[in-house]
Each structure stands twice: as C-alpha cells, then as structure tokens.
C-alpha cells in the first residue's frame, strides 16, 4: 500500500519500497540536488525525470522503451535505478513505453485505478494480451503519497481521459509542479502551483494557428474545449494574473508541432510576465519533442 499523506502535503512519513536503493548508484544520487529533466514533450511522446538526492522518478513514459532508455542513458541514468513510473493519464503519448519499461526493469507503476483500467482496455502486449503492470500501485487525486524521499501530491486536471492528474512534488524543501494536458486552468490547479520552485506547464497551441490549421474541425473543437489542451493565451492569462512568481524556471511544454511555434509560445508567456516586472526573474524554457531539455537543478 502507498504511504498516504494529507491533501495539504502534511503528515508524509517513511520511505516506500522501490525508492532509494542502498546499493547500485546510491553514491551518485547522494551528490545530486533536486533536478528535473524533460526527456520529451509533445504529441509524439511525453516523459520527464525528477531526481532528488535519493530517488529518481519517471513522470509519464510516452516514448518506446528503447528511446526512453537511450535518452535516460544519455543523461547518465541507469533505467534500472528508477524508483518507479508515475502516469498522468492513459493517452498513448504518455504511456506507450510503460508496459515494456516496467517489465524489463521490474519498475513499479503508479496510476489511478480508472487510468489503469482504461490503459488495459486500450493496449495489448506483443502476444495480444492486455498489458499488465507487474508492480502496480494505485493512488487517488487529492491524496498524497511518498516514493523514496519525494512526496507526491496528485491533483485533478480537466482533460478528456479517464482520471487525468497533474503532480506536485516536494523533496528536500523544494516543490516542483507538472501540469500538462488540461483544457483550462481551474482553481484547484492554481492552488497546487503556488510556492513551486519549478513548473512544467502546457502551452500547446496558438488559437489562430489551430483554427486555420490542418486538423479536422471535430479535432479542433476537442483541442480548444475545456477538456482539451491549454493554449498560449490561456497560459499567459494565468502567468499574468494568478502566478505568484515563486518559480526559478517555468518550462513551456506539450507544444503542438502543427498549431504552434516555439517563438510564439515564448513571446506570449514573456509578454504576460513582462506586465508584472517583479515576476520576470522566472526563467522561461521550451521543452522539445526530439531531444531532452538540459537538466534543471534547484
């Protein structure tokens, strides 16, 4: 069972099995401060690595196992040393590599029960059987738990999936938030982003590019809906009004390759922050699909 903590993040104690391994690469981990590496971000696959001094967690696993391993190993990370894989929701670009990665390296997979059920309905292994997570831990949005020395607070996000969540992580006195694939920015998400030293937030599309782009109208409606994806303008509205300025970095993530441009996403976010001069110290970065973002250390 997961070690639960309260919705405020208080009362989290103890270490979960599968966290810090006293053998292996523990010596290397002990020299690492809190860091986040966005390994891939976009409609062709999403995955990020959160590291503390004792624990490494993969957030989503949307690349193939081979590509996940290639990108992790390029960062000097042994996939077998991961404490587990956390899943935000069951869409293919977030779970494509989960089954093979978990099976190959004996990793624990963390997801909500509805997400697990939807994942099993949609995916089959090479033998045509429903995929299995050999080591599965389920959690619920709003109920925190602990993996290694990282407190995990999952929170509900508005997206057209079975039970989608974002995450707020707390370790070594540092908070990091991860919120992509959400149609709008509800109050509960805004609350979870307060006081975070680092944030990965969606800036999926430019509205005019989407409206005039190649997608069928039904797909455009889905993307623009309140259970679709966050536009540049919607993120800018949050940055310009509700963002508290606590983050050393804000990563703009899940950019559409058809309906956005990196410079448009950056410019829109910078304009919003520029209207609040006291907050412009936050560093803006752009996550990419084809290569990892350099590790961000806190």
Protein backbone atom coordinates (compact mmCIF):
# COMPACT_ATOMS: atom_id res chain seq x y z
CA UNK A 1 0.00 0.00 0.00
CA UNK A 2 1.08 3.57 -0.62
CA UNK A 3 2.10 5.69 2.34
CA UNK A 4 -0.64 8.32 2.27
CA UNK A 5 -0.38 11.94 3.35
CA UNK A 6 -2.99 14.63 3.75
CA UNK A 7 -4.23 16.81 0.93
CA UNK A 8 -2.06 19.67 2.16
CA UNK A 9 1.06 17.52 1.91
CA UNK A 10 1.44 17.26 5.69
CA UNK A 11 1.98 14.05 7.55
CA UNK A 12 4.02 12.27 4.90
CA UNK A 13 6.42 9.93 6.62
CA UNK A 14 8.57 6.96 5.77
CA UNK A 15 10.05 5.60 2.58
CA UNK A 16 8.27 3.43 0.05
CA UNK A 17 9.74 0.20 -1.21
CA UNK A 18 11.28 0.83 -4.59
CA UNK A 19 12.70 4.21 -3.59
CA UNK A 20 16.30 4.64 -2.52
CA UNK A 21 18.34 1.53 -3.15
CA UNK A 22 21.30 1.47 -0.72
CA UNK A 23 23.30 -0.32 -3.40
CA UNK A 24 23.71 0.48 -7.06
CA UNK A 25 24.10 4.17 -7.79
CA UNK A 26 23.20 5.50 -4.33
CA UNK A 27 26.59 7.23 -4.01
CA UNK A 28 25.97 9.15 -7.21
CA UNK A 29 22.46 10.11 -6.11
CA UNK A 30 23.70 11.44 -2.77
CA UNK A 31 25.56 14.22 -4.62
CA UNK A 32 22.52 15.29 -6.65
CA UNK A 33 20.27 18.15 -5.60
CA UNK A 34 16.68 18.30 -6.83
CA UNK A 35 16.59 18.32 -10.61
CA UNK A 36 14.10 17.95 -13.42
CA UNK A 37 14.85 16.77 -16.93
CA UNK A 38 12.13 16.93 -19.58
CA UNK A 39 13.13 13.98 -21.78
CA UNK A 40 10.41 14.53 -24.39
CA UNK A 41 7.34 16.70 -24.72
CA UNK A 42 4.72 16.79 -27.46
CA UNK A 43 2.09 14.74 -29.23
CA UNK A 44 4.61 12.04 -30.21
CA UNK A 45 5.64 11.24 -26.65
CA UNK A 46 6.00 12.76 -23.19
CA UNK A 47 8.35 11.86 -20.38
CA UNK A 48 10.24 13.67 -17.62
CA UNK A 49 12.71 12.65 -14.94
CA UNK A 50 12.55 14.06 -11.40
CA UNK A 51 15.59 13.41 -9.23
CA UNK A 52 16.31 14.05 -5.56
CA UNK A 53 19.36 13.04 -3.59
CA UNK A 54 17.86 9.57 -3.03
CA UNK A 55 15.14 8.95 -5.59
CA UNK A 56 14.55 9.11 -9.33
CA UNK A 57 11.03 9.08 -10.73
CA UNK A 58 9.89 8.94 -14.34
CA UNK A 59 6.81 11.07 -14.96
CA UNK A 60 4.95 9.53 -17.90
CA UNK A 61 6.55 7.12 -20.34
CA UNK A 62 5.27 8.02 -23.78
CA UNK A 63 8.33 7.03 -25.79
CA UNK A 64 9.23 3.48 -26.73
CA UNK A 65 11.28 1.59 -24.18
CA UNK A 66 14.31 1.77 -26.47
CA UNK A 67 14.03 5.55 -26.86
CA UNK A 68 13.31 6.11 -23.16
CA UNK A 69 16.44 4.14 -22.30
CA UNK A 70 18.51 5.98 -24.90
CA UNK A 71 17.54 9.35 -23.52
CA UNK A 72 17.98 8.32 -19.90
CA UNK A 73 21.38 6.78 -20.57
CA UNK A 74 22.44 9.93 -22.43
CA UNK A 75 21.84 11.72 -19.11
CA UNK A 76 23.95 9.13 -17.29
CA UNK A 77 20.88 7.44 -15.79
CA UNK A 78 20.52 3.67 -15.43
CA UNK A 79 16.81 2.88 -16.03
CA UNK A 80 17.05 0.01 -13.55
CA UNK A 81 17.73 2.56 -10.81
CA UNK A 82 14.40 4.33 -11.21
CA UNK A 83 12.09 4.24 -8.19
CA UNK A 84 9.06 3.99 -10.46
CA UNK A 85 6.94 5.47 -13.23
CA UNK A 86 4.15 7.92 -12.45
CA UNK A 87 1.38 8.22 -15.04
CA UNK A 88 -0.78 11.30 -15.57
CA UNK A 89 -3.35 9.63 -17.86
CA UNK A 90 -3.75 6.82 -20.37
CA UNK A 91 -3.36 8.60 -23.71
CA UNK A 92 -0.79 6.91 -25.93
CA UNK A 93 1.70 9.79 -25.95
CA UNK A 94 2.03 9.37 -22.17
CA UNK A 95 2.04 5.57 -21.80
CA UNK A 96 3.49 4.00 -24.96
CA UNK A 97 6.58 2.63 -23.23
CA UNK A 98 5.15 1.82 -19.80
CA UNK A 99 4.50 -1.89 -20.20
CA UNK A 100 7.88 -2.77 -21.67
CA UNK A 101 9.87 -0.45 -19.37
CA UNK A 102 8.17 -1.76 -16.24
CA UNK A 103 8.55 -5.39 -17.28
CA UNK A 104 12.15 -5.10 -18.42
CA UNK A 105 13.42 -3.30 -15.32
CA UNK A 106 10.95 -4.51 -12.68
CA UNK A 107 9.68 -0.99 -12.07
CA UNK A 108 6.65 -0.02 -10.01
CA UNK A 109 3.98 1.82 -11.99
CA UNK A 110 1.85 4.41 -10.19
CA UNK A 111 -1.51 5.41 -11.68
CA UNK A 112 -5.11 5.87 -10.62
CA UNK A 113 -7.42 2.86 -10.79
CA UNK A 114 -9.58 4.36 -13.58
CA UNK A 115 -6.45 5.21 -15.57
CA UNK A 116 -5.17 1.66 -15.12
CA UNK A 117 -8.48 0.20 -16.31
CA UNK A 118 -8.52 2.48 -19.37
CA UNK A 119 -4.88 1.63 -20.14
CA UNK A 120 -5.63 -2.07 -20.06
CA UNK A 121 -8.66 -1.66 -22.32
CA UNK A 122 -6.69 0.23 -24.94
CA UNK A 123 -3.33 -1.54 -25.08
CA UNK A 124 -2.19 -5.10 -25.71
CA UNK A 125 1.22 -6.72 -25.49
CA UNK A 126 3.06 -8.43 -28.33
CA UNK A 127 1.09 -11.64 -27.71
CA UNK A 128 -2.23 -9.84 -27.99
CA UNK A 129 -2.98 -9.92 -24.27
CA UNK A 130 -3.97 -6.95 -22.15
CA UNK A 131 -0.95 -5.12 -20.85
CA UNK A 132 -0.02 -5.71 -17.23
CA UNK A 133 1.88 -3.65 -14.72
CA UNK A 134 3.67 -6.34 -12.72
CA UNK A 135 4.22 -3.96 -9.82
CA UNK A 136 1.23 -1.61 -9.68
CA UNK A 137 0.42 1.00 -7.04
CA UNK A 138 -2.82 2.93 -7.41
CA UNK A 139 -3.45 6.38 -5.97
CA UNK A 140 -6.26 8.93 -5.87
CA UNK A 141 -6.21 12.57 -6.82
CA UNK A 142 -6.06 14.75 -3.72
CA UNK A 143 -4.40 12.06 -1.60
CA UNK A 144 -0.65 12.40 -1.36
CA UNK A 145 1.83 9.57 -1.08
CA UNK A 146 5.56 9.09 -0.74
CA UNK A 147 8.07 7.43 -3.05
CA UNK A 148 11.58 7.34 -1.64
CA UNK A 149 12.18 10.84 -0.27
CA UNK A 150 9.72 12.51 -2.67
CA UNK A 151 6.23 13.49 -1.52
CA UNK A 152 3.78 13.23 -4.42
CA UNK A 153 0.51 15.16 -4.48
CA UNK A 154 -1.66 14.22 -7.49
CA UNK A 155 -4.37 16.70 -8.42
CA UNK A 156 -7.26 16.52 -10.86
CA UNK A 157 -6.89 18.26 -14.22
CA UNK A 158 -9.57 18.88 -16.88
CA UNK A 159 -8.79 16.61 -19.83
CA UNK A 160 -10.70 14.02 -21.86
CA UNK A 161 -9.21 10.98 -20.18
CA UNK A 162 -10.48 8.51 -17.57
CA UNK A 163 -8.98 10.19 -14.49
CA UNK A 164 -6.22 12.64 -15.51
CA UNK A 165 -3.92 14.20 -12.95
CA UNK A 166 -1.08 16.61 -12.58
CA UNK A 167 1.58 16.30 -9.88
CA UNK A 168 3.16 18.49 -7.26
CA UNK A 169 6.38 17.06 -5.86
CA UNK A 170 8.03 18.06 -2.60
CA UNK A 171 11.51 16.95 -1.63
CA UNK A 172 14.40 18.50 0.26
CA UNK A 173 12.28 21.57 0.92
CA UNK A 174 11.66 22.16 -2.79
CA UNK A 175 8.36 22.00 -4.66
CA UNK A 176 8.06 21.20 -8.37
CA UNK A 177 4.79 21.06 -10.32
CA UNK A 178 3.89 19.19 -13.51
CA UNK A 179 0.63 20.12 -15.26
CA UNK A 180 0.10 19.43 -18.95
CA UNK A 181 -2.88 18.20 -20.99
CA UNK A 182 -5.53 20.43 -19.43
CA UNK A 183 -8.23 22.36 -21.24
CA UNK A 184 -8.19 25.30 -18.85
CA UNK A 185 -6.60 26.36 -15.57
CA UNK A 186 -9.11 25.65 -12.77
CA UNK A 187 -8.72 26.96 -9.24
CA UNK A 188 -7.55 23.65 -7.81
CA UNK A 189 -4.61 23.60 -10.25
CA UNK A 190 -3.72 27.22 -9.48
CA UNK A 191 -3.59 26.33 -5.79
CA UNK A 192 -1.20 23.44 -6.41
CA UNK A 193 1.15 25.71 -8.38
CA UNK A 194 1.61 28.16 -5.52
CA UNK A 195 5.03 28.17 -3.93
CA UNK A 196 6.62 25.90 -6.54
CA UNK A 197 10.28 26.48 -7.35
CA UNK A 198 9.91 24.87 -10.77
CA UNK A 199 6.94 24.24 -13.04
CA UNK A 200 6.25 22.34 -16.25
CA UNK A 201 3.12 23.85 -17.78
CA UNK A 202 1.32 23.28 -21.05
CA UNK A 203 1.46 25.87 -23.83
CA UNK A 204 0.01 23.67 -26.53
CA UNK A 205 -1.31 25.84 -29.34
CA UNK A 206 -1.79 29.26 -30.82
CA UNK A 207 -5.54 29.72 -31.30
CA UNK A 208 -5.29 31.30 -34.74
CA UNK A 209 -2.88 28.65 -35.99
CA UNK A 210 -5.19 25.93 -34.69
CA UNK A 211 -8.30 27.45 -36.27
CA UNK A 212 -6.56 27.80 -39.64
CA UNK A 213 -4.55 24.60 -39.40
CA UNK A 214 -4.91 21.14 -40.96
CA UNK A 215 -6.87 19.35 -38.22
CA UNK A 216 -10.48 18.28 -38.90
CA UNK A 217 -12.99 20.61 -37.27
CA UNK A 218 -14.00 17.97 -34.69
CA UNK A 219 -10.38 17.67 -33.54
CA UNK A 220 -10.01 21.46 -33.38
CA UNK A 221 -13.10 21.63 -31.19
CA UNK A 222 -11.69 18.97 -28.90
CA UNK A 223 -8.33 20.73 -28.54
CA UNK A 224 -10.00 24.09 -27.81
CA UNK A 225 -12.52 22.62 -25.36
CA UNK A 226 -12.34 22.75 -21.57
CA UNK A 227 -11.11 19.14 -21.60
CA UNK A 228 -8.60 19.67 -24.39
CA UNK A 229 -5.27 21.46 -24.28
CA UNK A 230 -4.05 24.76 -22.84
CA UNK A 231 -3.39 27.48 -25.40
CA UNK A 232 -0.58 30.02 -25.30
CA UNK A 233 -3.12 32.69 -24.40
CA UNK A 234 -4.68 30.64 -21.60
CA UNK A 235 -1.28 30.02 -20.03
CA UNK A 236 -0.43 33.71 -20.43
CA UNK A 237 -3.63 34.63 -18.59
CA UNK A 238 -2.51 32.50 -15.64
CA UNK A 239 1.01 33.96 -15.70
CA UNK A 240 -0.37 37.48 -15.89
CA UNK A 241 -2.93 37.18 -13.12
CA UNK A 242 -2.59 34.21 -10.73
CA UNK A 243 1.07 33.15 -10.91
CA UNK A 244 2.86 34.01 -7.67
CA UNK A 245 6.34 34.34 -9.16
CA UNK A 246 7.92 31.71 -6.92
CA UNK A 247 9.43 29.55 -9.68
CA UNK A 248 13.07 29.76 -10.70
CA UNK A 249 12.02 28.23 -14.01
CA UNK A 250 8.83 27.69 -15.99
CA UNK A 251 9.02 25.09 -18.74
CA UNK A 252 6.57 25.56 -21.60
CA UNK A 253 5.58 22.03 -22.59
CA UNK A 254 3.49 19.92 -24.96
CA UNK A 255 3.83 22.43 -27.82
CA UNK A 256 1.92 21.35 -30.91
CA UNK A 257 4.13 20.86 -33.94
CA UNK A 258 1.24 21.77 -36.27
CA UNK A 259 -0.52 24.51 -34.33
CA UNK A 260 2.21 26.40 -32.51
CA UNK A 261 5.68 27.84 -32.88
CA UNK A 262 8.26 27.90 -30.09
CA UNK A 263 8.84 31.62 -30.55
CA UNK A 264 5.09 32.30 -30.35
CA UNK A 265 4.74 30.33 -27.13
CA UNK A 266 7.75 32.08 -25.58
CA UNK A 267 6.70 35.55 -26.74
CA UNK A 268 3.16 35.15 -25.40
CA UNK A 269 4.41 34.00 -21.99
CA UNK A 270 7.11 36.69 -21.85
CA UNK A 271 4.58 39.38 -22.66
CA UNK A 272 2.39 38.26 -19.77
CA UNK A 273 5.30 38.17 -17.34
CA UNK A 274 6.62 41.46 -18.67
CA UNK A 275 3.45 43.16 -17.48
CA UNK A 276 4.40 42.09 -13.95
CA UNK A 277 8.05 43.26 -13.69
CA UNK A 278 8.59 41.81 -10.23
CA UNK A 279 7.99 38.29 -11.56
CA UNK A 280 10.19 38.36 -14.64
CA UNK A 281 13.01 36.66 -12.76
CA UNK A 282 11.37 33.35 -13.62
CA UNK A 283 13.36 31.69 -16.37
CA UNK A 284 11.30 30.52 -19.35
CA UNK A 285 12.34 27.39 -21.20
CA UNK A 286 10.85 25.42 -24.07
CA UNK A 287 10.54 21.64 -23.87
CA UNK A 288 11.17 19.78 -27.09
CA UNK A 289 9.91 16.63 -28.74
CA UNK A 290 13.09 15.50 -30.44
CA UNK A 291 15.64 15.91 -27.66
CA UNK A 292 15.78 16.31 -23.87
CA UNK A 293 15.93 19.67 -22.19
CA UNK A 294 19.10 20.13 -20.18
CA UNK A 295 18.60 19.14 -16.51
CA UNK A 296 17.17 21.95 -14.39
CA UNK A 297 18.64 21.96 -10.89
CA UNK A 298 17.13 23.55 -7.80
